């Protein structure tokens, strides 16, 4: 049986119906709407989900709901299959499944949750706004390329931190716009949609130069915490080669 989901809300609605109808995890093939990898003989549209059977309502621990909301943002196409397998086991005699970290399913879901959380942290750290002017005045715009679909997890942080500004964050998957009152979400955008550099970038470079410690250079750690794929949108990375070249002389001067 085919089931489609793109967001956590999609998956939750379909999973509830499948679970209530008694459909086993191995009998469900999950895919995203418009998935071009569908089989040669698959139907153009998935069949209607089965009718739910009457019975006792099922309950899952709140921890699973929180886990599923995060894992749903992972880019792996297996996320829906894994989540439904966990849901089935939680509601069929294994209510303590999430408390067994050695279980392969629990372990894999934990790894996916960790990857998404790290990606959210990097988005919080690596987004750089550029000042633009439009008919309503100042508007700050940034473009970021996350590894996973995390815009809705990460955007509330910027809403709290920059509540008095109008800003937009663009990513390939989705965009977030704060108008000062409401947080809106829209379609994704390519990097070409982002504005060119502005005067704020000089402030970022000045700040980065001030905190750069030439006596504590660890290139592997730097590239692990600041992956090169993000360098194109970080103004301070333009001066890293210069800072590295100057480091030995600065250390000698300090000594």
C-alpha atoms as a PDB file:
ATOM      1  CA  UNK A   1       0.000   0.000   0.000  1.00  0.00           C
ATOM      2  CA  UNK A   2       1.272   3.471  -0.888  1.00  0.00           C
ATOM      3  CA  UNK A   3       1.113   6.398   1.517  1.00  0.00           C
ATOM      4  CA  UNK A   4       2.342   9.929   0.875  1.00  0.00           C
ATOM      5  CA  UNK A   5       3.817  12.464   3.283  1.00  0.00           C
ATOM      6  CA  UNK A   6       5.989  15.546   3.019  1.00  0.00           C
ATOM      7  CA  UNK A   7       5.551  17.071   6.476  1.00  0.00           C
ATOM      8  CA  UNK A   8       4.994  15.751   9.972  1.00  0.00           C
ATOM      9  CA  UNK A   9       1.306  16.720   9.751  1.00  0.00           C
ATOM     10  CA  UNK A  10       0.950  14.696   6.526  1.00  0.00           C
ATOM     11  CA  UNK A  11       2.594  11.657   8.076  1.00  0.00           C
ATOM     12  CA  UNK A  12       0.617  11.874  11.313  1.00  0.00           C
ATOM     13  CA  UNK A  13      -2.720  11.985   9.488  1.00  0.00           C
ATOM     14  CA  UNK A  14      -1.850   9.034   7.241  1.00  0.00           C
ATOM     15  CA  UNK A  15      -0.228   7.042  10.062  1.00  0.00           C
ATOM     16  CA  UNK A  16      -3.289   7.392  12.280  1.00  0.00           C
ATOM     17  CA  UNK A  17      -5.506   6.033   9.530  1.00  0.00           C
ATOM     18  CA  UNK A  18      -3.171   3.148   8.710  1.00  0.00           C
ATOM     19  CA  UNK A  19      -2.713   2.244  12.361  1.00  0.00           C
ATOM     20  CA  UNK A  20      -6.439   2.320  13.071  1.00  0.00           C
ATOM     21  CA  UNK A  21      -6.998   0.074  10.039  1.00  0.00           C
ATOM     22  CA  UNK A  22      -4.433  -2.426  11.303  1.00  0.00           C
ATOM     23  CA  UNK A  23      -2.017  -2.026   8.383  1.00  0.00           C
ATOM     24  CA  UNK A  24       1.356  -3.566   9.229  1.00  0.00           C
ATOM     25  CA  UNK A  25       4.518  -1.472   8.732  1.00  0.00           C
ATOM     26  CA  UNK A  26       5.891  -3.912   6.151  1.00  0.00           C
ATOM     27  CA  UNK A  27       2.723  -3.469   4.087  1.00  0.00           C
ATOM     28  CA  UNK A  28       3.194   0.289   3.639  1.00  0.00           C
ATOM     29  CA  UNK A  29       5.440   2.005   1.114  1.00  0.00           C
ATOM     30  CA  UNK A  30       5.959   5.637   2.067  1.00  0.00           C
ATOM     31  CA  UNK A  31       6.892   8.258  -0.483  1.00  0.00           C
ATOM     32  CA  UNK A  32       6.766  12.015  -0.938  1.00  0.00           C
ATOM     33  CA  UNK A  33       4.252  13.725  -3.245  1.00  0.00           C
ATOM     34  CA  UNK A  34       5.647  13.878  -6.763  1.00  0.00           C
ATOM     35  CA  UNK A  35       8.346  11.303  -6.017  1.00  0.00           C
ATOM     36  CA  UNK A  36       9.865  10.428  -9.396  1.00  0.00           C
ATOM     37  CA  UNK A  37      11.429   7.271  -7.974  1.00  0.00           C
ATOM     38  CA  UNK A  38       8.099   5.465  -7.862  1.00  0.00           C
ATOM     39  CA  UNK A  39       8.046   1.971  -9.379  1.00  0.00           C
ATOM     40  CA  UNK A  40       7.295   1.377 -13.049  1.00  0.00           C
ATOM     41  CA  UNK A  41       3.911  -0.163 -12.316  1.00  0.00           C
ATOM     42  CA  UNK A  42       2.881   2.126  -9.464  1.00  0.00           C
ATOM     43  CA  UNK A  43      -0.342   4.035  -9.801  1.00  0.00           C
ATOM     44  CA  UNK A  44      -0.130   7.717 -10.732  1.00  0.00           C
ATOM     45  CA  UNK A  45      -1.748   8.577  -7.416  1.00  0.00           C
ATOM     46  CA  UNK A  46      -1.743   6.479  -4.251  1.00  0.00           C
ATOM     47  CA  UNK A  47      -4.993   4.625  -3.551  1.00  0.00           C
ATOM     48  CA  UNK A  48      -7.303   5.867  -0.853  1.00  0.00           C
ATOM     49  CA  UNK A  49      -6.226   4.820   2.616  1.00  0.00           C
ATOM     50  CA  UNK A  50      -8.273   2.015   4.187  1.00  0.00           C
ATOM     51  CA  UNK A  51     -11.175   2.600   6.494  1.00  0.00           C
ATOM     52  CA  UNK A  52     -10.263   2.572  10.158  1.00  0.00           C
ATOM     53  CA  UNK A  53     -11.531  -0.355  12.212  1.00  0.00           C
ATOM     54  CA  UNK A  54     -13.550   0.307  15.322  1.00  0.00           C
ATOM     55  CA  UNK A  55     -11.582  -0.288  18.480  1.00  0.00           C
ATOM     56  CA  UNK A  56      -9.809   1.217  21.440  1.00  0.00           C
ATOM     57  CA  UNK A  57      -8.049   4.514  20.661  1.00  0.00           C
ATOM     58  CA  UNK A  58      -4.274   4.196  20.728  1.00  0.00           C
ATOM     59  CA  UNK A  59      -1.936   6.305  22.811  1.00  0.00           C
ATOM     60  CA  UNK A  60       1.767   7.063  22.420  1.00  0.00           C
ATOM     61  CA  UNK A  61       4.193   8.703  24.842  1.00  0.00           C
ATOM     62  CA  UNK A  62       4.640  12.480  24.407  1.00  0.00           C
ATOM     63  CA  UNK A  63       8.354  11.791  23.904  1.00  0.00           C
ATOM     64  CA  UNK A  64       7.550   9.990  20.653  1.00  0.00           C
ATOM     65  CA  UNK A  65       5.567  12.940  19.319  1.00  0.00           C
ATOM     66  CA  UNK A  66       8.503  15.263  20.035  1.00  0.00           C
ATOM     67  CA  UNK A  67      10.911  12.791  18.440  1.00  0.00           C
ATOM     68  CA  UNK A  68       8.728  12.415  15.353  1.00  0.00           C
ATOM     69  CA  UNK A  69       8.399  16.175  14.886  1.00  0.00           C
ATOM     70  CA  UNK A  70      12.182  16.468  14.701  1.00  0.00           C
ATOM     71  CA  UNK A  71      12.869  13.322  12.661  1.00  0.00           C
ATOM     72  CA  UNK A  72      10.205  14.435  10.168  1.00  0.00           C
ATOM     73  CA  UNK A  73      12.578  17.252   9.167  1.00  0.00           C
ATOM     74  CA  UNK A  74      15.348  14.815   8.220  1.00  0.00           C
ATOM     75  CA  UNK A  75      16.004  14.522   4.520  1.00  0.00           C
ATOM     76  CA  UNK A  76      16.180  10.731   4.457  1.00  0.00           C
ATOM     77  CA  UNK A  77      13.272   9.165   2.511  1.00  0.00           C
ATOM     78  CA  UNK A  78      13.270   6.368   5.131  1.00  0.00           C
ATOM     79  CA  UNK A  79      12.109   8.637   7.929  1.00  0.00           C
ATOM     80  CA  UNK A  80       8.391   7.921   7.439  1.00  0.00           C
ATOM     81  CA  UNK A  81       8.962   4.152   7.320  1.00  0.00           C
ATOM     82  CA  UNK A  82      11.014   4.218  10.506  1.00  0.00           C
ATOM     83  CA  UNK A  83       8.536   6.433  12.338  1.00  0.00           C
ATOM     84  CA  UNK A  84       5.577   4.252  11.394  1.00  0.00           C
ATOM     85  CA  UNK A  85       7.473   1.132  12.479  1.00  0.00           C
ATOM     86  CA  UNK A  86       8.146   2.786  15.848  1.00  0.00           C
ATOM     87  CA  UNK A  87       4.529   3.894  16.146  1.00  0.00           C
ATOM     88  CA  UNK A  88       3.321   0.364  15.475  1.00  0.00           C
ATOM     89  CA  UNK A  89       5.620  -1.163  18.065  1.00  0.00           C
ATOM     90  CA  UNK A  90       4.759   1.455  20.691  1.00  0.00           C
ATOM     91  CA  UNK A  91       1.068   0.686  20.296  1.00  0.00           C
ATOM     92  CA  UNK A  92       1.468  -3.107  20.084  1.00  0.00           C
ATOM     93  CA  UNK A  93       3.093  -4.105  23.333  1.00  0.00           C
ATOM     94  CA  UNK A  94       6.386  -2.176  23.302  1.00  0.00           C
ATOM     95  CA  UNK A  95       5.406   1.039  25.052  1.00  0.00           C
ATOM     96  CA  UNK A  96       8.933   1.414  26.469  1.00  0.00           C
ATOM     97  CA  UNK A  97      10.649   1.132  23.073  1.00  0.00           C
ATOM     98  CA  UNK A  98      12.159   4.610  23.243  1.00  0.00           C
ATOM     99  CA  UNK A  99      13.830   3.712  26.538  1.00  0.00           C
ATOM    100  CA  UNK A 100      15.874   0.978  24.847  1.00  0.00           C
ATOM    101  CA  UNK A 101      18.771   2.800  23.134  1.00  0.00           C
ATOM    102  CA  UNK A 102      20.300  -0.525  22.018  1.00  0.00           C
ATOM    103  CA  UNK A 103      17.274  -1.296  19.851  1.00  0.00           C
ATOM    104  CA  UNK A 104      18.310  -0.698  16.202  1.00  0.00           C
ATOM    105  CA  UNK A 105      15.162   1.287  15.411  1.00  0.00           C
ATOM    106  CA  UNK A 106      15.460   3.503  18.484  1.00  0.00           C
ATOM    107  CA  UNK A 107      19.159   3.983  17.757  1.00  0.00           C
ATOM    108  CA  UNK A 108      18.603   5.027  14.135  1.00  0.00           C
ATOM    109  CA  UNK A 109      15.829   7.449  15.028  1.00  0.00           C
ATOM    110  CA  UNK A 110      18.098   8.945  17.684  1.00  0.00           C
ATOM    111  CA  UNK A 111      20.852   9.473  15.125  1.00  0.00           C
ATOM    112  CA  UNK A 112      18.421  11.221  12.787  1.00  0.00           C
ATOM    113  CA  UNK A 113      17.158  13.451  15.591  1.00  0.00           C
ATOM    114  CA  UNK A 114      20.730  14.377  16.469  1.00  0.00           C
ATOM    115  CA  UNK A 115      21.552  15.260  12.860  1.00  0.00           C
ATOM    116  CA  UNK A 116      18.519  17.533  12.612  1.00  0.00           C
ATOM    117  CA  UNK A 117      19.290  19.255  15.911  1.00  0.00           C
ATOM    118  CA  UNK A 118      22.889  19.904  14.841  1.00  0.00           C
ATOM    119  CA  UNK A 119      21.627  21.348  11.577  1.00  0.00           C
ATOM    120  CA  UNK A 120      19.283  23.692  13.455  1.00  0.00           C
ATOM    121  CA  UNK A 121      22.195  24.817  15.623  1.00  0.00           C
ATOM    122  CA  UNK A 122      24.303  25.548  12.534  1.00  0.00           C
ATOM    123  CA  UNK A 123      21.465  27.527  10.962  1.00  0.00           C
ATOM    124  CA  UNK A 124      21.215  29.648  14.106  1.00  0.00           C
ATOM    125  CA  UNK A 125      24.962  30.245  13.944  1.00  0.00           C
ATOM    126  CA  UNK A 126      25.520  30.700  10.201  1.00  0.00           C
ATOM    127  CA  UNK A 127      22.626  32.848   8.968  1.00  0.00           C
ATOM    128  CA  UNK A 128      23.900  36.301   7.953  1.00  0.00           C
ATOM    129  CA  UNK A 129      21.326  38.981   7.156  1.00  0.00           C
ATOM    130  CA  UNK A 130      21.911  41.663   4.550  1.00  0.00           C
ATOM    131  CA  UNK A 131      20.178  45.005   4.752  1.00  0.00           C
ATOM    132  CA  UNK A 132      17.789  45.843   1.917  1.00  0.00           C
ATOM    133  CA  UNK A 133      15.371  48.685   1.301  1.00  0.00           C
ATOM    134  CA  UNK A 134      11.834  48.248   0.019  1.00  0.00           C
ATOM    135  CA  UNK A 135       8.628  50.303   0.018  1.00  0.00           C
ATOM    136  CA  UNK A 136       8.144  49.597   3.724  1.00  0.00           C
ATOM    137  CA  UNK A 137      11.698  50.534   4.720  1.00  0.00           C
ATOM    138  CA  UNK A 138      14.491  48.348   6.052  1.00  0.00           C
ATOM    139  CA  UNK A 139      14.248  44.641   5.337  1.00  0.00           C
ATOM    140  CA  UNK A 140      16.920  42.107   6.319  1.00  0.00           C
ATOM    141  CA  UNK A 141      17.344  39.122   3.997  1.00  0.00           C
ATOM    142  CA  UNK A 142      19.505  36.008   4.336  1.00  0.00           C
ATOM    143  CA  UNK A 143      20.036  32.835   2.302  1.00  0.00           C
ATOM    144  CA  UNK A 144      21.066  29.569   3.918  1.00  0.00           C
ATOM    145  CA  UNK A 145      21.439  25.988   2.712  1.00  0.00           C
ATOM    146  CA  UNK A 146      20.616  23.551   5.522  1.00  0.00           C
ATOM    147  CA  UNK A 147      21.197  19.837   5.238  1.00  0.00           C
ATOM    148  CA  UNK A 148      17.633  19.048   6.296  1.00  0.00           C
ATOM    149  CA  UNK A 149      14.172  20.623   6.102  1.00  0.00           C
ATOM    150  CA  UNK A 150      14.534  22.614   9.302  1.00  0.00           C
ATOM    151  CA  UNK A 151      13.157  26.084   8.504  1.00  0.00           C
ATOM    152  CA  UNK A 152      10.116  25.705  10.767  1.00  0.00           C
ATOM    153  CA  UNK A 153      12.234  24.355  13.603  1.00  0.00           C
ATOM    154  CA  UNK A 154      14.839  27.122  13.334  1.00  0.00           C
ATOM    155  CA  UNK A 155      12.786  30.202  12.410  1.00  0.00           C
ATOM    156  CA  UNK A 156      11.201  30.862  15.859  1.00  0.00           C
ATOM    157  CA  UNK A 157      14.702  31.497  17.232  1.00  0.00           C
ATOM    158  CA  UNK A 158      15.141  34.419  14.810  1.00  0.00           C
ATOM    159  CA  UNK A 159      11.632  35.655  15.583  1.00  0.00           C
ATOM    160  CA  UNK A 160      12.569  35.953  19.254  1.00  0.00           C
ATOM    161  CA  UNK A 161      16.011  37.388  18.635  1.00  0.00           C
ATOM    162  CA  UNK A 162      15.077  39.923  15.954  1.00  0.00           C
ATOM    163  CA  UNK A 163      11.489  40.673  16.892  1.00  0.00           C
ATOM    164  CA  UNK A 164      11.692  44.399  16.062  1.00  0.00           C
ATOM    165  CA  UNK A 165      13.089  43.874  12.536  1.00  0.00           C
ATOM    166  CA  UNK A 166      11.484  42.738   9.319  1.00  0.00           C
ATOM    167  CA  UNK A 167      13.455  39.806   7.963  1.00  0.00           C
ATOM    168  CA  UNK A 168      13.341  36.948   5.481  1.00  0.00           C
ATOM    169  CA  UNK A 169      15.368  33.753   5.465  1.00  0.00           C
ATOM    170  CA  UNK A 170      15.535  31.930   2.144  1.00  0.00           C
ATOM    171  CA  UNK A 171      16.511  28.279   1.737  1.00  0.00           C
ATOM    172  CA  UNK A 172      16.177  25.907  -1.236  1.00  0.00           C
ATOM    173  CA  UNK A 173      13.242  24.115   0.434  1.00  0.00           C
ATOM    174  CA  UNK A 174      11.273  26.849   2.150  1.00  0.00           C
ATOM    175  CA  UNK A 175      11.394  30.495   3.223  1.00  0.00           C
ATOM    176  CA  UNK A 176      10.461  32.258   6.452  1.00  0.00           C
ATOM    177  CA  UNK A 177       9.317  35.885   6.690  1.00  0.00           C
ATOM    178  CA  UNK A 178       8.776  37.908   9.868  1.00  0.00           C
ATOM    179  CA  UNK A 179       6.752  41.091   9.338  1.00  0.00           C
ATOM    180  CA  UNK A 180       7.054  42.240  12.945  1.00  0.00           C
ATOM    181  CA  UNK A 181       3.788  40.588  13.967  1.00  0.00           C
ATOM    182  CA  UNK A 182       3.459  37.195  12.298  1.00  0.00           C
ATOM    183  CA  UNK A 183       5.877  34.535  11.105  1.00  0.00           C
ATOM    184  CA  UNK A 184       5.015  33.430   7.564  1.00  0.00           C
ATOM    185  CA  UNK A 185       6.334  30.501   5.527  1.00  0.00           C
ATOM    186  CA  UNK A 186       6.593  30.257   1.761  1.00  0.00           C
ATOM    187  CA  UNK A 187       8.341  28.503  -1.088  1.00  0.00           C
ATOM    188  CA  UNK A 188      12.082  27.990  -1.286  1.00  0.00           C
ATOM    189  CA  UNK A 189      14.436  30.102  -3.374  1.00  0.00           C
ATOM    190  CA  UNK A 190      17.833  29.731  -5.078  1.00  0.00           C
ATOM    191  CA  UNK A 191      20.864  31.614  -3.838  1.00  0.00           C
ATOM    192  CA  UNK A 192      20.493  34.013  -6.772  1.00  0.00           C
ATOM    193  CA  UNK A 193      17.367  35.410  -5.080  1.00  0.00           C
ATOM    194  CA  UNK A 194      19.425  36.688  -2.151  1.00  0.00           C
ATOM    195  CA  UNK A 195      20.774  40.271  -2.184  1.00  0.00           C
ATOM    196  CA  UNK A 196      24.418  41.088  -2.802  1.00  0.00           C
ATOM    197  CA  UNK A 197      26.806  42.148  -0.049  1.00  0.00           C
ATOM    198  CA  UNK A 198      26.154  45.203   2.092  1.00  0.00           C
ATOM    199  CA  UNK A 199      27.881  47.295   4.767  1.00  0.00           C
ATOM    200  CA  UNK A 200      26.945  44.783   7.492  1.00  0.00           C
ATOM    201  CA  UNK A 201      29.469  42.329   6.079  1.00  0.00           C
ATOM    202  CA  UNK A 202      32.353  44.597   7.109  1.00  0.00           C
ATOM    203  CA  UNK A 203      31.030  44.470  10.689  1.00  0.00           C
ATOM    204  CA  UNK A 204      31.059  40.668  10.604  1.00  0.00           C
ATOM    205  CA  UNK A 205      34.650  40.671   9.320  1.00  0.00           C
ATOM    206  CA  UNK A 206      35.757  43.148  11.977  1.00  0.00           C
ATOM    207  CA  UNK A 207      34.120  41.055  14.698  1.00  0.00           C
ATOM    208  CA  UNK A 208      35.628  37.805  13.408  1.00  0.00           C
ATOM    209  CA  UNK A 209      39.096  39.340  13.172  1.00  0.00           C
ATOM    210  CA  UNK A 210      38.757  40.551  16.780  1.00  0.00           C
ATOM    211  CA  UNK A 211      37.854  37.107  18.171  1.00  0.00           C
ATOM    212  CA  UNK A 212      40.275  35.118  15.993  1.00  0.00           C
ATOM    213  CA  UNK A 213      42.998  33.591  18.181  1.00  0.00           C
ATOM    214  CA  UNK A 214      46.168  32.971  16.107  1.00  0.00           C
ATOM    215  CA  UNK A 215      47.671  30.872  18.898  1.00  0.00           C
ATOM    216  CA  UNK A 216      44.855  28.316  18.878  1.00  0.00           C
ATOM    217  CA  UNK A 217      44.455  27.319  15.240  1.00  0.00           C
ATOM    218  CA  UNK A 218      42.873  23.905  14.705  1.00  0.00           C
ATOM    219  CA  UNK A 219      41.975  23.587  11.039  1.00  0.00           C
ATOM    220  CA  UNK A 220      40.168  20.253  11.357  1.00  0.00           C
ATOM    221  CA  UNK A 221      38.038  21.567  14.188  1.00  0.00           C
ATOM    222  CA  UNK A 222      37.353  24.787  12.287  1.00  0.00           C
ATOM    223  CA  UNK A 223      36.133  23.019   9.155  1.00  0.00           C
ATOM    224  CA  UNK A 224      34.103  20.545  11.225  1.00  0.00           C
ATOM    225  CA  UNK A 225      32.289  23.309  13.088  1.00  0.00           C
ATOM    226  CA  UNK A 226      32.247  25.680  10.112  1.00  0.00           C
ATOM    227  CA  UNK A 227      31.744  23.411   7.051  1.00  0.00           C
ATOM    228  CA  UNK A 228      33.122  24.797   3.799  1.00  0.00           C
ATOM    229  CA  UNK A 229      29.732  24.431   2.098  1.00  0.00           C
ATOM    230  CA  UNK A 230      28.537  27.387   4.189  1.00  0.00           C
ATOM    231  CA  UNK A 231      31.485  29.649   3.476  1.00  0.00           C
ATOM    232  CA  UNK A 232      29.909  31.255   0.412  1.00  0.00           C
ATOM    233  CA  UNK A 233      27.207  32.903   2.548  1.00  0.00           C
ATOM    234  CA  UNK A 234      29.426  33.863   5.499  1.00  0.00           C
ATOM    235  CA  UNK A 235      31.200  37.201   4.947  1.00  0.00           C
ATOM    236  CA  UNK A 236      33.833  36.535   7.612  1.00  0.00           C
ATOM    237  CA  UNK A 237      35.165  33.471   5.794  1.00  0.00           C
ATOM    238  CA  UNK A 238      36.668  35.728   3.117  1.00  0.00           C
ATOM    239  CA  UNK A 239      39.394  36.800   5.551  1.00  0.00           C
ATOM    240  CA  UNK A 240      40.200  33.341   6.947  1.00  0.00           C
ATOM    241  CA  UNK A 241      43.132  32.714   4.513  1.00  0.00           C
ATOM    242  CA  UNK A 242      44.619  36.081   5.454  1.00  0.00           C
ATOM    243  CA  UNK A 243      44.203  35.440   9.178  1.00  0.00           C
ATOM    244  CA  UNK A 244      45.818  32.017   8.855  1.00  0.00           C
ATOM    245  CA  UNK A 245      48.750  33.481   6.933  1.00  0.00           C
ATOM    246  CA  UNK A 246      49.247  36.217   9.537  1.00  0.00           C
ATOM    247  CA  UNK A 247      48.916  33.874  12.525  1.00  0.00           C
ATOM    248  CA  UNK A 248      52.616  32.860  12.932  1.00  0.00           C
ATOM    249  CA  UNK A 249      53.760  36.493  12.909  1.00  0.00           C
ATOM    250  CA  UNK A 250      51.037  37.500  15.378  1.00  0.00           C
ATOM    251  CA  UNK A 251      52.019  34.669  17.720  1.00  0.00           C
ATOM    252  CA  UNK A 252      55.694  35.675  17.543  1.00  0.00           C
ATOM    253  CA  UNK A 253      54.734  39.266  18.330  1.00  0.00           C
ATOM    254  CA  UNK A 254      52.701  38.174  21.354  1.00  0.00           C
ATOM    255  CA  UNK A 255      55.547  36.031  22.644  1.00  0.00           C
END
